[in-house]
Amino acid sequence: MASHKRKAPASVSQARYDRSKFTSQNAWDRYADNILGWKIFPEMNVKLFYAEFDEFRREVERRNWHKELTNFSEGSIDVAIVKEFYSNLDGPEDKLPKQVRVRGHLIKFDADTLNTFLKTPVVIEEEESLPAYSRFANLRPVPQELAARLCLPWRGFELNADGLPLKILRKNLTTLAQTWSVLSFSNLAPTSHTSNITLDRAKLIYGLVMKMDMNLGSLISGQISLIAQHDSSRLGFPALITALCMARGVTSDSLTFESLSPAINLAYIKKNCWNLDDPSVTFRGTHKFRARGSKAPSTSAPHTSTPSTFPLPSPPATPVLPM
């Protein structure tokens, strides 16, 4: 009598592998072992009206960021779809394709696709091949120049043990620089490290403060790839990814959706971004006092980390913003 070989039972991982949601066994393993437990970085909308911190509001509108990038629908984040997106996004280091299949639909996130979706055309000056910020980002940064535009008078970078620029504490940033930093933490280059800005992020904030045109799609596309390649434990751009997937016909089976982070409005700026020591901004009818017993930050050098003190030019006339 002929013998019959019995098939080995499928492993637990293989048995749970849902081919309608995951493109490969490796994608499922990434999801089950890591991404399932990761949290998300919800984006922030900007909700400012005429004459409310116009220096920031007008620049957001000039860049067309008010149309899509900072204007997501509330309660629109499908966490399950976002995690499937990142789980299926797999490839060799630095060669990640700018597209991924989610529930049978091909989702592209290359620079051109994102700029079209976000309605942010790339602006390139005549006789140049790159936007202003791309050209600036390729240069070696001058810390004094960055500090002069981003910091309060006589404040600057904290230095490392070798005397090189390390970071700028948020308390030393101007109100405008703090506001741009907050937006960058959620919508441009997501991070949970928000107590200071690194040299690289200082360059980004400098480009925003100086009104440099940039390729937003390229920036976000690169950030998505970085998140997918590294064990960040946090997933960025969840509202954008959900919107991209929905636009391509991905069907949601989630019963609940996650909310965005609190919007950047005038009340938020007053509470979280307005620097008491900033001579360039005041809010009409609003008084903000130091906590009892607090002192003005010292410019003396700490033992292991020395704040550089780059002098600023005379501050401009102080604009008065409404309540």
C-alpha atoms as a PDB file:
ATOM      1  CA  MET A   1       0.000   0.000   0.000  1.00  0.00           C
ATOM      2  CA  ALA A   2       1.438   3.341  -1.038  1.00  0.00           C
ATOM      3  CA  SER A   3       2.323   5.664   1.777  1.00  0.00           C
ATOM      4  CA  HIS A   4       1.050   9.226   1.819  1.00  0.00           C
ATOM      5  CA  LYS A   5       3.066  12.092   3.210  1.00  0.00           C
ATOM      6  CA  ARG A   6       1.220  14.446   5.496  1.00  0.00           C
ATOM      7  CA  LYS A   7       1.702  18.166   4.963  1.00  0.00           C
ATOM      8  CA  ALA A   8       3.279  20.013   7.870  1.00  0.00           C
ATOM      9  CA  PRO A   9       0.812  22.336   9.602  1.00  0.00           C
ATOM     10  CA  ALA A  10       1.225  26.005   8.762  1.00  0.00           C
ATOM     11  CA  SER A  11       2.971  28.127  11.330  1.00  0.00           C
ATOM     12  CA  VAL A  12       0.941  30.551  13.429  1.00  0.00           C
ATOM     13  CA  SER A  13       2.382  33.458  11.467  1.00  0.00           C
ATOM     14  CA  GLN A  14       1.489  31.839   8.120  1.00  0.00           C
ATOM     15  CA  ALA A  15      -1.979  30.864   9.307  1.00  0.00           C
ATOM     16  CA  ARG A  16      -2.775  34.469  10.178  1.00  0.00           C
ATOM     17  CA  TYR A  17      -1.321  35.925   7.004  1.00  0.00           C
ATOM     18  CA  ASP A  18      -4.137  37.935   5.361  1.00  0.00           C
ATOM     19  CA  ARG A  19      -3.225  38.188   1.672  1.00  0.00           C
ATOM     20  CA  SER A  20      -5.922  40.784   1.040  1.00  0.00           C
ATOM     21  CA  LYS A  21      -4.061  43.242   3.294  1.00  0.00           C
ATOM     22  CA  PHE A  22      -0.399  42.228   3.249  1.00  0.00           C
ATOM     23  CA  THR A  23       1.661  41.822   0.097  1.00  0.00           C
ATOM     24  CA  SER A  24       4.071  39.206   1.464  1.00  0.00           C
ATOM     25  CA  GLN A  25       4.968  37.069   4.430  1.00  0.00           C
ATOM     26  CA  ASN A  26       7.720  39.560   5.223  1.00  0.00           C
ATOM     27  CA  ALA A  27       5.187  42.412   5.263  1.00  0.00           C
ATOM     28  CA  TRP A  28       3.005  40.464   7.685  1.00  0.00           C
ATOM     29  CA  ASP A  29       5.977  39.709   9.925  1.00  0.00           C
ATOM     30  CA  ARG A  30       6.915  43.403   9.996  1.00  0.00           C
ATOM     31  CA  TYR A  31       3.373  44.216  10.985  1.00  0.00           C
ATOM     32  CA  ALA A  32       2.993  41.502  13.632  1.00  0.00           C
ATOM     33  CA  ASP A  33       6.439  41.926  15.172  1.00  0.00           C
ATOM     34  CA  ASN A  34       6.784  45.711  15.104  1.00  0.00           C
ATOM     35  CA  ILE A  35       4.335  48.036  13.410  1.00  0.00           C
ATOM     36  CA  LEU A  36       1.201  46.686  15.105  1.00  0.00           C
ATOM     37  CA  GLY A  37       2.363  48.190  18.399  1.00  0.00           C
ATOM     38  CA  TRP A  38       3.609  51.497  16.998  1.00  0.00           C
ATOM     39  CA  LYS A  39       1.824  54.780  17.597  1.00  0.00           C
ATOM     40  CA  ILE A  40       1.102  57.509  15.079  1.00  0.00           C
ATOM     41  CA  PHE A  41       2.063  61.171  14.736  1.00  0.00           C
ATOM     42  CA  PRO A  42      -1.223  62.922  13.879  1.00  0.00           C
ATOM     43  CA  GLU A  43      -0.891  66.047  11.748  1.00  0.00           C
ATOM     44  CA  MET A  44      -2.020  69.518  12.784  1.00  0.00           C
ATOM     45  CA  ASN A  45      -4.300  71.882  10.889  1.00  0.00           C
ATOM     46  CA  VAL A  46      -3.708  75.626  10.811  1.00  0.00           C
ATOM     47  CA  LYS A  47      -6.777  77.733  11.640  1.00  0.00           C
ATOM     48  CA  LEU A  48      -5.864  81.394  11.629  1.00  0.00           C
ATOM     49  CA  PHE A  49      -8.028  84.271  10.444  1.00  0.00           C
ATOM     50  CA  TYR A  50      -7.160  87.655   8.976  1.00  0.00           C
ATOM     51  CA  ALA A  51      -4.817  89.684  11.236  1.00  0.00           C
ATOM     52  CA  GLU A  52      -4.055  86.642  13.424  1.00  0.00           C
ATOM     53  CA  PHE A  53      -0.271  86.199  13.436  1.00  0.00           C
ATOM     54  CA  ASP A  54      -0.159  87.278   9.802  1.00  0.00           C
ATOM     55  CA  GLU A  55       3.584  86.702   9.406  1.00  0.00           C
ATOM     56  CA  PHE A  56       2.972  82.975   9.822  1.00  0.00           C
ATOM     57  CA  ARG A  57      -0.519  82.753   8.291  1.00  0.00           C
ATOM     58  CA  ARG A  58       0.397  84.576   5.083  1.00  0.00           C
ATOM     59  CA  GLU A  59       3.409  82.362   4.483  1.00  0.00           C
ATOM     60  CA  VAL A  60       1.335  79.200   4.980  1.00  0.00           C
ATOM     61  CA  GLU A  61      -1.079  80.524   2.368  1.00  0.00           C
ATOM     62  CA  ARG A  62       1.674  81.687  -0.014  1.00  0.00           C
ATOM     63  CA  ARG A  63       3.009  78.142  -0.039  1.00  0.00           C
ATOM     64  CA  ASN A  64      -0.516  76.743  -0.674  1.00  0.00           C
ATOM     65  CA  TRP A  65      -0.174  74.677   2.504  1.00  0.00           C
ATOM     66  CA  HIS A  66      -3.577  75.876   3.708  1.00  0.00           C
ATOM     67  CA  LYS A  67      -5.329  73.910   0.929  1.00  0.00           C
ATOM     68  CA  GLU A  68      -4.413  70.350   1.889  1.00  0.00           C
ATOM     69  CA  LEU A  69      -1.304  70.010   4.086  1.00  0.00           C
ATOM     70  CA  THR A  70      -2.862  71.850   7.049  1.00  0.00           C
ATOM     71  CA  ASN A  71      -6.520  71.326   6.176  1.00  0.00           C
ATOM     72  CA  PHE A  72      -7.322  67.665   6.827  1.00  0.00           C
ATOM     73  CA  SER A  73     -10.785  66.507   7.843  1.00  0.00           C
ATOM     74  CA  GLU A  74     -11.118  65.974  11.568  1.00  0.00           C
ATOM     75  CA  GLY A  75     -11.365  62.331  12.680  1.00  0.00           C
ATOM     76  CA  SER A  76     -10.048  61.136   9.320  1.00  0.00           C
ATOM     77  CA  ILE A  77      -7.128  58.881  10.305  1.00  0.00           C
ATOM     78  CA  ASP A  78      -7.584  55.164   9.644  1.00  0.00           C
ATOM     79  CA  VAL A  79      -4.827  53.653  11.762  1.00  0.00           C
ATOM     80  CA  ALA A  80      -5.267  50.158  10.292  1.00  0.00           C
ATOM     81  CA  ILE A  81      -4.691  51.420   6.748  1.00  0.00           C
ATOM     82  CA  VAL A  82      -1.696  53.493   7.839  1.00  0.00           C
ATOM     83  CA  LYS A  83      -0.064  50.470   9.491  1.00  0.00           C
ATOM     84  CA  GLU A  84      -0.719  48.284   6.451  1.00  0.00           C
ATOM     85  CA  PHE A  85       0.833  51.002   4.261  1.00  0.00           C
ATOM     86  CA  TYR A  86       4.077  51.005   6.253  1.00  0.00           C
ATOM     87  CA  SER A  87       4.111  47.202   6.665  1.00  0.00           C
ATOM     88  CA  ASN A  88       3.902  46.630   2.906  1.00  0.00           C
ATOM     89  CA  LEU A  89       6.501  49.311   2.203  1.00  0.00           C
ATOM     90  CA  ASP A  90       9.574  47.142   2.162  1.00  0.00           C
ATOM     91  CA  GLY A  91      12.741  47.149   0.097  1.00  0.00           C
ATOM     92  CA  PRO A  92      16.542  47.423   0.173  1.00  0.00           C
ATOM     93  CA  GLU A  93      18.038  50.237   2.210  1.00  0.00           C
ATOM     94  CA  ASP A  94      18.029  53.550   0.287  1.00  0.00           C
ATOM     95  CA  LYS A  95      16.275  51.891  -2.671  1.00  0.00           C
ATOM     96  CA  LEU A  96      12.742  51.911  -1.382  1.00  0.00           C
ATOM     97  CA  PRO A  97      10.219  52.316  -4.213  1.00  0.00           C
ATOM     98  CA  LYS A  98       7.996  55.377  -3.936  1.00  0.00           C
ATOM     99  CA  GLN A  99       4.884  53.260  -4.210  1.00  0.00           C
ATOM    100  CA  VAL A 100       3.159  50.569  -2.200  1.00  0.00           C
ATOM    101  CA  ARG A 101       0.148  48.320  -2.641  1.00  0.00           C
ATOM    102  CA  VAL A 102      -2.595  48.677  -0.017  1.00  0.00           C
ATOM    103  CA  ARG A 103      -5.582  46.314  -0.138  1.00  0.00           C
ATOM    104  CA  GLY A 104      -5.034  45.723  -3.836  1.00  0.00           C
ATOM    105  CA  HIS A 105      -4.577  49.373  -4.812  1.00  0.00           C
ATOM    106  CA  LEU A 106      -1.260  50.905  -5.878  1.00  0.00           C
ATOM    107  CA  ILE A 107      -0.471  54.007  -3.793  1.00  0.00           C
ATOM    108  CA  LYS A 108       2.255  56.278  -5.149  1.00  0.00           C
ATOM    109  CA  PHE A 109       4.047  58.760  -2.894  1.00  0.00           C
ATOM    110  CA  ASP A 110       6.781  60.128  -5.113  1.00  0.00           C
ATOM    111  CA  ALA A 111       7.447  63.874  -5.067  1.00  0.00           C
ATOM    112  CA  ASP A 112       5.350  64.670  -8.133  1.00  0.00           C
ATOM    113  CA  THR A 113       2.369  62.658  -6.912  1.00  0.00           C
ATOM    114  CA  LEU A 114       2.456  64.288  -3.487  1.00  0.00           C
ATOM    115  CA  ASN A 115       2.832  67.811  -4.873  1.00  0.00           C
ATOM    116  CA  THR A 116      -0.152  67.227  -7.162  1.00  0.00           C
ATOM    117  CA  PHE A 117      -2.239  65.779  -4.329  1.00  0.00           C
ATOM    118  CA  LEU A 118      -1.288  68.561  -1.897  1.00  0.00           C
ATOM    119  CA  LYS A 119      -1.653  71.275  -4.569  1.00  0.00           C
ATOM    120  CA  THR A 120       1.868  72.536  -3.915  1.00  0.00           C
ATOM    121  CA  PRO A 121       3.591  73.238  -7.233  1.00  0.00           C
ATOM    122  CA  VAL A 122       7.374  73.474  -7.179  1.00  0.00           C
ATOM    123  CA  VAL A 123       8.620  77.037  -7.687  1.00  0.00           C
ATOM    124  CA  ILE A 124      12.058  77.353  -9.309  1.00  0.00           C
ATOM    125  CA  GLU A 125      13.667  80.693 -10.019  1.00  0.00           C
ATOM    126  CA  GLU A 126      14.748  81.592 -13.532  1.00  0.00           C
ATOM    127  CA  GLU A 127      18.091  80.086 -14.573  1.00  0.00           C
ATOM    128  CA  GLU A 128      18.053  77.740 -11.542  1.00  0.00           C
ATOM    129  CA  SER A 129      17.510  73.974 -11.542  1.00  0.00           C
ATOM    130  CA  LEU A 130      16.397  73.564  -7.924  1.00  0.00           C
ATOM    131  CA  PRO A 131      14.080  75.440  -5.545  1.00  0.00           C
ATOM    132  CA  ALA A 132      15.742  77.926  -3.185  1.00  0.00           C
ATOM    133  CA  TYR A 133      15.555  75.660  -0.123  1.00  0.00           C
ATOM    134  CA  SER A 134      17.057  72.671  -1.986  1.00  0.00           C
ATOM    135  CA  ARG A 135      20.050  74.808  -2.947  1.00  0.00           C
ATOM    136  CA  PHE A 136      20.386  76.108   0.605  1.00  0.00           C
ATOM    137  CA  ALA A 137      20.098  72.618   2.147  1.00  0.00           C
ATOM    138  CA  ASN A 138      23.071  71.442   0.076  1.00  0.00           C
ATOM    139  CA  LEU A 139      25.326  74.091   1.621  1.00  0.00           C
ATOM    140  CA  ARG A 140      27.287  73.835   4.847  1.00  0.00           C
ATOM    141  CA  PRO A 141      25.197  75.671   7.469  1.00  0.00           C
ATOM    142  CA  VAL A 142      26.525  78.811   9.144  1.00  0.00           C
ATOM    143  CA  PRO A 143      25.357  78.542  12.781  1.00  0.00           C
ATOM    144  CA  GLN A 144      25.611  82.294  13.394  1.00  0.00           C
ATOM    145  CA  GLU A 145      23.326  82.967  10.444  1.00  0.00           C
ATOM    146  CA  LEU A 146      20.762  80.398  11.595  1.00  0.00           C
ATOM    147  CA  ALA A 147      20.800  81.649  15.179  1.00  0.00           C
ATOM    148  CA  ALA A 148      20.443  85.271  14.111  1.00  0.00           C
ATOM    149  CA  ARG A 149      17.116  84.512  12.431  1.00  0.00           C
ATOM    150  CA  LEU A 150      15.704  81.859  14.722  1.00  0.00           C
ATOM    151  CA  CYS A 151      16.790  82.849  18.224  1.00  0.00           C
ATOM    152  CA  LEU A 152      16.071  85.610  20.697  1.00  0.00           C
ATOM    153  CA  PRO A 153      18.771  88.278  21.044  1.00  0.00           C
ATOM    154  CA  TRP A 154      21.991  86.864  22.509  1.00  0.00           C
ATOM    155  CA  ARG A 155      20.762  83.272  22.383  1.00  0.00           C
ATOM    156  CA  GLY A 156      21.993  80.525  20.085  1.00  0.00           C
ATOM    157  CA  PHE A 157      23.062  76.912  19.722  1.00  0.00           C
ATOM    158  CA  GLU A 158      23.987  74.677  22.592  1.00  0.00           C
ATOM    159  CA  LEU A 159      27.427  73.275  21.807  1.00  0.00           C
ATOM    160  CA  ASN A 160      28.679  69.738  22.227  1.00  0.00           C
ATOM    161  CA  ALA A 161      31.881  68.747  24.028  1.00  0.00           C
ATOM    162  CA  ASP A 162      33.915  69.568  20.909  1.00  0.00           C
ATOM    163  CA  GLY A 163      32.433  73.048  20.652  1.00  0.00           C
ATOM    164  CA  LEU A 164      30.270  72.242  17.626  1.00  0.00           C
ATOM    165  CA  PRO A 165      26.621  73.352  17.253  1.00  0.00           C
ATOM    166  CA  LEU A 166      24.324  70.681  18.666  1.00  0.00           C
ATOM    167  CA  LYS A 167      20.819  72.060  19.192  1.00  0.00           C
ATOM    168  CA  ILE A 168      18.704  75.117  19.978  1.00  0.00           C
ATOM    169  CA  LEU A 169      16.425  74.932  22.978  1.00  0.00           C
ATOM    170  CA  ARG A 170      12.835  75.864  22.126  1.00  0.00           C
ATOM    171  CA  LYS A 171      12.808  78.449  24.897  1.00  0.00           C
ATOM    172  CA  ASN A 172      15.500  80.341  22.980  1.00  0.00           C
ATOM    173  CA  LEU A 173      13.531  80.464  19.715  1.00  0.00           C
ATOM    174  CA  THR A 174      11.472  83.408  18.568  1.00  0.00           C
ATOM    175  CA  THR A 175       7.694  83.069  18.518  1.00  0.00           C
ATOM    176  CA  LEU A 176       7.714  82.678  14.730  1.00  0.00           C
ATOM    177  CA  ALA A 177      10.442  80.028  14.785  1.00  0.00           C
ATOM    178  CA  GLN A 178       8.633  78.116  17.542  1.00  0.00           C
ATOM    179  CA  THR A 179       5.406  78.115  15.534  1.00  0.00           C
ATOM    180  CA  TRP A 180       7.129  76.782  12.425  1.00  0.00           C
ATOM    181  CA  SER A 181       8.910  74.188  14.593  1.00  0.00           C
ATOM    182  CA  VAL A 182       5.604  72.904  15.959  1.00  0.00           C
ATOM    183  CA  LEU A 183       4.227  72.487  12.437  1.00  0.00           C
ATOM    184  CA  SER A 184       7.405  70.705  11.341  1.00  0.00           C
ATOM    185  CA  PHE A 185       7.172  68.237  14.244  1.00  0.00           C
ATOM    186  CA  SER A 186       3.865  66.863  12.896  1.00  0.00           C
ATOM    187  CA  ASN A 187       3.407  67.771   9.215  1.00  0.00           C
ATOM    188  CA  LEU A 188       6.884  68.023   7.685  1.00  0.00           C
ATOM    189  CA  ALA A 189       9.420  65.849   9.536  1.00  0.00           C
ATOM    190  CA  PRO A 190       7.597  64.005  12.348  1.00  0.00           C
ATOM    191  CA  THR A 191       9.396  63.535  15.652  1.00  0.00           C
ATOM    192  CA  SER A 192       8.550  63.118  19.330  1.00  0.00           C
ATOM    193  CA  HIS A 193      11.665  65.062  20.325  1.00  0.00           C
ATOM    194  CA  THR A 194      10.216  68.566  20.624  1.00  0.00           C
ATOM    195  CA  SER A 195      12.118  70.245  23.468  1.00  0.00           C
ATOM    196  CA  ASN A 196      14.779  71.512  21.054  1.00  0.00           C
ATOM    197  CA  ILE A 197      15.663  71.578  17.377  1.00  0.00           C
ATOM    198  CA  THR A 198      18.731  69.936  15.886  1.00  0.00           C
ATOM    199  CA  LEU A 199      21.041  71.589  13.388  1.00  0.00           C
ATOM    200  CA  ASP A 200      19.278  69.861  10.481  1.00  0.00           C
ATOM    201  CA  ARG A 201      15.856  70.962  11.664  1.00  0.00           C
ATOM    202  CA  ALA A 202      17.202  74.461  12.284  1.00  0.00           C
ATOM    203  CA  LYS A 203      18.058  74.597   8.582  1.00  0.00           C
ATOM    204  CA  LEU A 204      14.475  73.609   7.730  1.00  0.00           C
ATOM    205  CA  ILE A 205      12.985  76.231  10.061  1.00  0.00           C
ATOM    206  CA  TYR A 206      15.403  78.840   8.707  1.00  0.00           C
ATOM    207  CA  GLY A 207      14.200  78.087   5.176  1.00  0.00           C
ATOM    208  CA  LEU A 208      10.602  78.599   6.281  1.00  0.00           C
ATOM    209  CA  VAL A 209      11.318  81.824   8.173  1.00  0.00           C
ATOM    210  CA  MET A 210      13.279  83.161   5.203  1.00  0.00           C
ATOM    211  CA  LYS A 211      10.415  82.289   2.825  1.00  0.00           C
ATOM    212  CA  MET A 212      12.502  79.919   0.688  1.00  0.00           C
ATOM    213  CA  ASP A 213      10.445  77.949  -1.824  1.00  0.00           C
ATOM    214  CA  MET A 214      10.830  74.202  -1.409  1.00  0.00           C
ATOM    215  CA  ASN A 215       9.824  70.909  -2.971  1.00  0.00           C
ATOM    216  CA  LEU A 216       7.332  69.813  -0.322  1.00  0.00           C
ATOM    217  CA  GLY A 217       6.552  66.517  -2.057  1.00  0.00           C
ATOM    218  CA  SER A 218      10.220  65.560  -2.092  1.00  0.00           C
ATOM    219  CA  LEU A 219      10.585  66.376   1.607  1.00  0.00           C
ATOM    220  CA  ILE A 220       7.574  64.305   2.670  1.00  0.00           C
ATOM    221  CA  SER A 221       8.371  61.427   0.306  1.00  0.00           C
ATOM    222  CA  GLY A 222      11.852  61.167   1.791  1.00  0.00           C
ATOM    223  CA  GLN A 223      10.485  61.271   5.335  1.00  0.00           C
ATOM    224  CA  ILE A 224       8.019  58.449   4.631  1.00  0.00           C
ATOM    225  CA  SER A 225      10.874  56.298   3.301  1.00  0.00           C
ATOM    226  CA  LEU A 226      12.999  57.050   6.379  1.00  0.00           C
ATOM    227  CA  ILE A 227      10.177  56.031   8.709  1.00  0.00           C
ATOM    228  CA  ALA A 228       9.703  52.771   6.797  1.00  0.00           C
ATOM    229  CA  GLN A 229      13.405  51.938   6.867  1.00  0.00           C
ATOM    230  CA  HIS A 230      14.035  52.604  10.536  1.00  0.00           C
ATOM    231  CA  ASP A 231      12.576  51.347  13.798  1.00  0.00           C
ATOM    232  CA  SER A 232      11.070  54.714  14.680  1.00  0.00           C
ATOM    233  CA  SER A 233       8.186  53.256  16.752  1.00  0.00           C
ATOM    234  CA  ARG A 234       6.058  56.134  15.440  1.00  0.00           C
ATOM    235  CA  LEU A 235       4.295  56.435  12.095  1.00  0.00           C
ATOM    236  CA  GLY A 236       4.166  59.856  10.489  1.00  0.00           C
ATOM    237  CA  PHE A 237       1.720  61.452   8.029  1.00  0.00           C
ATOM    238  CA  PRO A 238      -1.290  59.273   9.006  1.00  0.00           C
ATOM    239  CA  ALA A 239      -3.940  61.718   7.760  1.00  0.00           C
ATOM    240  CA  LEU A 240      -2.101  62.214   4.463  1.00  0.00           C
ATOM    241  CA  ILE A 241      -1.614  58.470   3.948  1.00  0.00           C
ATOM    242  CA  THR A 242      -5.268  57.778   4.751  1.00  0.00           C
ATOM    243  CA  ALA A 243      -6.344  60.458   2.272  1.00  0.00           C
ATOM    244  CA  LEU A 244      -3.998  59.124  -0.430  1.00  0.00           C
ATOM    245  CA  CYS A 245      -5.350  55.589   0.021  1.00  0.00           C
ATOM    246  CA  MET A 246      -8.988  56.684   0.018  1.00  0.00           C
ATOM    247  CA  ALA A 247      -8.409  58.728  -3.145  1.00  0.00           C
ATOM    248  CA  ARG A 248      -7.088  55.586  -4.885  1.00  0.00           C
ATOM    249  CA  GLY A 249     -10.138  53.549  -3.910  1.00  0.00           C
ATOM    250  CA  VAL A 250      -8.938  51.759  -0.774  1.00  0.00           C
ATOM    251  CA  THR A 251     -11.960  50.680   1.259  1.00  0.00           C
ATOM    252  CA  SER A 252     -11.915  51.104   5.021  1.00  0.00           C
ATOM    253  CA  ASP A 253     -13.378  48.535   7.384  1.00  0.00           C
ATOM    254  CA  SER A 254     -12.527  50.449  10.562  1.00  0.00           C
ATOM    255  CA  LEU A 255     -15.305  51.382  12.962  1.00  0.00           C
ATOM    256  CA  THR A 256     -13.418  54.291  14.507  1.00  0.00           C
ATOM    257  CA  PHE A 257     -10.985  56.866  13.179  1.00  0.00           C
ATOM    258  CA  GLU A 258      -8.267  58.770  15.008  1.00  0.00           C
ATOM    259  CA  SER A 259      -8.323  62.550  15.391  1.00  0.00           C
ATOM    260  CA  LEU A 260      -5.723  65.105  14.368  1.00  0.00           C
ATOM    261  CA  SER A 261      -3.522  66.879  16.887  1.00  0.00           C
ATOM    262  CA  PRO A 262      -4.911  70.193  18.209  1.00  0.00           C
ATOM    263  CA  ALA A 263      -4.977  72.857  15.503  1.00  0.00           C
ATOM    264  CA  ILE A 264      -2.506  75.714  15.382  1.00  0.00           C
ATOM    265  CA  ASN A 265      -4.808  78.661  16.033  1.00  0.00           C
ATOM    266  CA  LEU A 266      -4.254  81.935  17.829  1.00  0.00           C
ATOM    267  CA  ALA A 267      -5.033  80.451  21.244  1.00  0.00           C
ATOM    268  CA  TYR A 268      -2.571  77.600  20.614  1.00  0.00           C
ATOM    269  CA  ILE A 269       0.177  80.011  19.556  1.00  0.00           C
ATOM    270  CA  LYS A 270      -0.348  82.189  22.629  1.00  0.00           C
ATOM    271  CA  LYS A 271      -0.184  79.181  24.940  1.00  0.00           C
ATOM    272  CA  ASN A 272       2.532  77.077  23.316  1.00  0.00           C
ATOM    273  CA  CYS A 273       4.632  79.225  20.974  1.00  0.00           C
ATOM    274  CA  TRP A 274       4.615  82.809  22.236  1.00  0.00           C
ATOM    275  CA  ASN A 275       7.967  83.515  23.829  1.00  0.00           C
ATOM    276  CA  LEU A 276       7.753  86.011  26.675  1.00  0.00           C
ATOM    277  CA  ASP A 277      11.211  87.352  25.868  1.00  0.00           C
ATOM    278  CA  ASP A 278      10.515  87.835  22.154  1.00  0.00           C
ATOM    279  CA  PRO A 279      10.707  91.591  21.469  1.00  0.00           C
ATOM    280  CA  SER A 280       9.171  91.250  18.004  1.00  0.00           C
ATOM    281  CA  VAL A 281       5.692  90.015  18.967  1.00  0.00           C
ATOM    282  CA  THR A 282       3.041  91.111  21.443  1.00  0.00           C
ATOM    283  CA  PHE A 283      -0.641  90.271  21.621  1.00  0.00           C
ATOM    284  CA  ARG A 284      -3.039  93.130  22.235  1.00  0.00           C
ATOM    285  CA  GLY A 285      -4.890  92.855  25.534  1.00  0.00           C
ATOM    286  CA  THR A 286      -2.932  89.806  26.620  1.00  0.00           C
ATOM    287  CA  HIS A 287      -0.465  89.631  29.493  1.00  0.00           C
ATOM    288  CA  LYS A 288       1.881  86.745  30.059  1.00  0.00           C
ATOM    289  CA  PHE A 289       3.938  86.643  33.241  1.00  0.00           C
ATOM    290  CA  ARG A 290       6.841  84.538  34.375  1.00  0.00           C
ATOM    291  CA  ALA A 291       6.151  81.935  37.007  1.00  0.00           C
ATOM    292  CA  ARG A 292       7.016  83.100  40.508  1.00  0.00           C
ATOM    293  CA  GLY A 293      10.674  82.639  41.306  1.00  0.00           C
ATOM    294  CA  SER A 294      11.725  82.083  37.682  1.00  0.00           C
ATOM    295  CA  LYS A 295      14.615  84.004  36.251  1.00  0.00           C
ATOM    296  CA  ALA A 296      15.623  85.099  32.802  1.00  0.00           C
ATOM    297  CA  PRO A 297      17.632  82.364  31.083  1.00  0.00           C
ATOM    298  CA  SER A 298      21.326  82.779  31.633  1.00  0.00           C
ATOM    299  CA  THR A 299      23.758  83.072  28.765  1.00  0.00           C
ATOM    300  CA  SER A 300      26.606  81.717  30.879  1.00  0.00           C
ATOM    301  CA  ALA A 301      28.170  78.492  29.742  1.00  0.00           C
ATOM    302  CA  PRO A 302      27.117  75.256  31.462  1.00  0.00           C
ATOM    303  CA  HIS A 303      29.873  72.841  32.346  1.00  0.00           C
ATOM    304  CA  THR A 304      29.266  70.331  29.528  1.00  0.00           C
ATOM    305  CA  SER A 305      27.164  72.219  27.009  1.00  0.00           C
ATOM    306  CA  THR A 306      27.851  75.823  26.170  1.00  0.00           C
ATOM    307  CA  PRO A 307      25.171  77.998  24.542  1.00  0.00           C
ATOM    308  CA  SER A 308      26.743  80.131  21.869  1.00  0.00           C
ATOM    309  CA  THR A 309      25.746  83.763  21.942  1.00  0.00           C
ATOM    310  CA  PHE A 310      25.421  85.131  18.458  1.00  0.00           C
ATOM    311  CA  PRO A 311      24.273  88.780  18.555  1.00  0.00           C
ATOM    312  CA  LEU A 312      21.227  89.760  16.562  1.00  0.00           C
ATOM    313  CA  PRO A 313      20.642  92.965  14.643  1.00  0.00           C
ATOM    314  CA  SER A 314      18.339  95.506  16.212  1.00  0.00           C
ATOM    315  CA  PRO A 315      14.824  94.017  16.369  1.00  0.00           C
ATOM    316  CA  PRO A 316      12.183  95.444  14.036  1.00  0.00           C
ATOM    317  CA  ALA A 317       9.226  97.464  15.211  1.00  0.00           C
ATOM    318  CA  THR A 318       6.959  95.343  17.388  1.00  0.00           C
ATOM    319  CA  PRO A 319       3.727  94.269  15.654  1.00  0.00           C
ATOM    320  CA  VAL A 320       0.633  94.174  17.849  1.00  0.00           C
ATOM    321  CA  LEU A 321      -1.572  91.163  17.211  1.00  0.00           C
ATOM    322  CA  PRO A 322      -5.238  90.975  18.195  1.00  0.00           C
ATOM    323  CA  MET A 323      -6.599  88.624  20.810  1.00  0.00           C
END
